[in-house]
Amino acid sequence: MSHPVISVAETAEVEEVARLMEAHKIKRVLVCDDGRMVGIVTRADIVRAIAAELEAAFRTPPVTEQGRVVAAD
């Protein structure tokens, strides 16, 4: 790892971690809880998280303003 060590809290959102990685040009970020390392997030983890969010978004059927599900073609 490089110095200084970049870390995030366990509650950090995926977007925040991705921004830190890009800003610091790093591939891994430590996850800490009360100053203790509890994990590591890698770029591959970020890609998997984003892919899962996209998959879930496309799997959810569209809904009209009236709350009705739109039929698939």
C-alpha atoms as a PDB file:
ATOM      1  CA  MET A   1       0.000   0.000   0.000  1.00  0.00           C
ATOM      2  CA  SER A   2       1.054   3.555  -0.552  1.00  0.00           C
ATOM      3  CA  HIS A   3       1.577   6.225   2.048  1.00  0.00           C
ATOM      4  CA  PRO A   4      -0.519   7.966   3.295  1.00  0.00           C
ATOM      5  CA  VAL A   5      -3.056   5.174   3.697  1.00  0.00           C
ATOM      6  CA  ILE A   6      -6.508   6.060   2.401  1.00  0.00           C
ATOM      7  CA  SER A   7      -9.386   4.548   4.367  1.00  0.00           C
ATOM      8  CA  VAL A   8     -13.160   4.744   4.644  1.00  0.00           C
ATOM      9  CA  ALA A   9     -15.703   3.907   7.311  1.00  0.00           C
ATOM     10  CA  GLU A  10     -17.801   0.747   7.094  1.00  0.00           C
ATOM     11  CA  THR A  11     -20.784   2.954   6.282  1.00  0.00           C
ATOM     12  CA  ALA A  12     -19.176   4.542   3.186  1.00  0.00           C
ATOM     13  CA  GLU A  13     -21.231   4.417  -0.004  1.00  0.00           C
ATOM     14  CA  VAL A  14     -19.864   2.779  -3.156  1.00  0.00           C
ATOM     15  CA  GLU A  15     -19.784   6.147  -4.927  1.00  0.00           C
ATOM     16  CA  GLU A  16     -17.654   7.700  -2.180  1.00  0.00           C
ATOM     17  CA  VAL A  17     -15.141   4.841  -2.315  1.00  0.00           C
ATOM     18  CA  ALA A  18     -14.971   5.051  -6.116  1.00  0.00           C
ATOM     19  CA  ARG A  19     -14.350   8.826  -5.968  1.00  0.00           C
ATOM     20  CA  LEU A  20     -11.523   8.339  -3.457  1.00  0.00           C
ATOM     21  CA  MET A  21      -9.917   5.662  -5.612  1.00  0.00           C
ATOM     22  CA  GLU A  22     -10.054   7.890  -8.669  1.00  0.00           C
ATOM     23  CA  ALA A  23      -8.865  11.012  -6.857  1.00  0.00           C
ATOM     24  CA  HIS A  24      -5.879   9.243  -5.316  1.00  0.00           C
ATOM     25  CA  LYS A  25      -5.203   6.931  -8.291  1.00  0.00           C
ATOM     26  CA  ILE A  26      -5.302   3.848  -6.059  1.00  0.00           C
ATOM     27  CA  LYS A  27      -6.680   0.338  -6.534  1.00  0.00           C
ATOM     28  CA  ARG A  28      -7.565  -0.536  -2.939  1.00  0.00           C
ATOM     29  CA  VAL A  29      -9.059   1.268   0.053  1.00  0.00           C
ATOM     30  CA  LEU A  30      -8.947   0.121   3.659  1.00  0.00           C
ATOM     31  CA  VAL A  31     -12.242  -0.127   5.509  1.00  0.00           C
ATOM     32  CA  CYS A  32     -11.911   0.866   9.176  1.00  0.00           C
ATOM     33  CA  ASP A  33     -14.118   0.828  12.236  1.00  0.00           C
ATOM     34  CA  ASP A  34     -12.920   2.868  15.235  1.00  0.00           C
ATOM     35  CA  GLY A  35      -9.400   3.000  13.777  1.00  0.00           C
ATOM     36  CA  ARG A  36      -9.241  -0.770  13.289  1.00  0.00           C
ATOM     37  CA  MET A  37      -9.009  -2.306   9.824  1.00  0.00           C
ATOM     38  CA  VAL A  38     -12.037  -4.506   9.123  1.00  0.00           C
ATOM     39  CA  GLY A  39     -11.658  -4.991   5.375  1.00  0.00           C
ATOM     40  CA  ILE A  40     -10.396  -3.860   1.993  1.00  0.00           C
ATOM     41  CA  VAL A  41     -12.394  -2.659  -1.022  1.00  0.00           C
ATOM     42  CA  THR A  42     -10.821  -3.217  -4.440  1.00  0.00           C
ATOM     43  CA  ARG A  43     -11.663  -1.828  -7.866  1.00  0.00           C
ATOM     44  CA  ALA A  44     -13.117  -5.235  -8.744  1.00  0.00           C
ATOM     45  CA  ASP A  45     -15.472  -4.933  -5.754  1.00  0.00           C
ATOM     46  CA  ILE A  46     -16.645  -1.543  -7.061  1.00  0.00           C
ATOM     47  CA  VAL A  47     -17.285  -2.958 -10.545  1.00  0.00           C
ATOM     48  CA  ARG A  48     -19.255  -5.887  -9.092  1.00  0.00           C
ATOM     49  CA  ALA A  49     -21.362  -3.551  -6.922  1.00  0.00           C
ATOM     50  CA  ILE A  50     -22.197  -1.276  -9.845  1.00  0.00           C
ATOM     51  CA  ALA A  51     -23.004  -4.254 -12.104  1.00  0.00           C
ATOM     52  CA  ALA A  52     -25.353  -5.662  -9.443  1.00  0.00           C
ATOM     53  CA  GLU A  53     -27.124  -2.293  -9.103  1.00  0.00           C
ATOM     54  CA  LEU A  54     -27.566  -2.055 -12.880  1.00  0.00           C
ATOM     55  CA  GLU A  55     -28.842  -5.615 -13.112  1.00  0.00           C
ATOM     56  CA  ALA A  56     -31.382  -4.961 -10.365  1.00  0.00           C
ATOM     57  CA  ALA A  57     -32.511  -1.740 -12.060  1.00  0.00           C
ATOM     58  CA  PHE A  58     -33.125  -3.516 -15.371  1.00  0.00           C
ATOM     59  CA  ARG A  59     -34.875  -6.417 -13.672  1.00  0.00           C
ATOM     60  CA  THR A  60     -37.411  -4.143 -11.953  1.00  0.00           C
ATOM     61  CA  PRO A  61     -40.441  -3.609 -14.204  1.00  0.00           C
ATOM     62  CA  PRO A  62     -41.246  -0.004 -15.127  1.00  0.00           C
ATOM     63  CA  VAL A  63     -44.187   1.576 -13.288  1.00  0.00           C
ATOM     64  CA  THR A  64     -46.560   4.285 -14.533  1.00  0.00           C
ATOM     65  CA  GLU A  65     -47.394   7.418 -12.566  1.00  0.00           C
ATOM     66  CA  GLN A  66     -50.564   5.649 -11.433  1.00  0.00           C
ATOM     67  CA  GLY A  67     -48.460   2.854  -9.918  1.00  0.00           C
ATOM     68  CA  ARG A  68     -49.273   0.242 -12.549  1.00  0.00           C
ATOM     69  CA  VAL A  69     -46.602  -2.097 -13.896  1.00  0.00           C
ATOM     70  CA  VAL A  70     -45.948  -1.577 -17.611  1.00  0.00           C
ATOM     71  CA  ALA A  71     -46.265  -4.803 -19.654  1.00  0.00           C
ATOM     72  CA  ALA A  72     -43.050  -6.090 -21.268  1.00  0.00           C
ATOM     73  CA  ASP A  73     -42.911  -6.235 -25.063  1.00  0.00           C
END
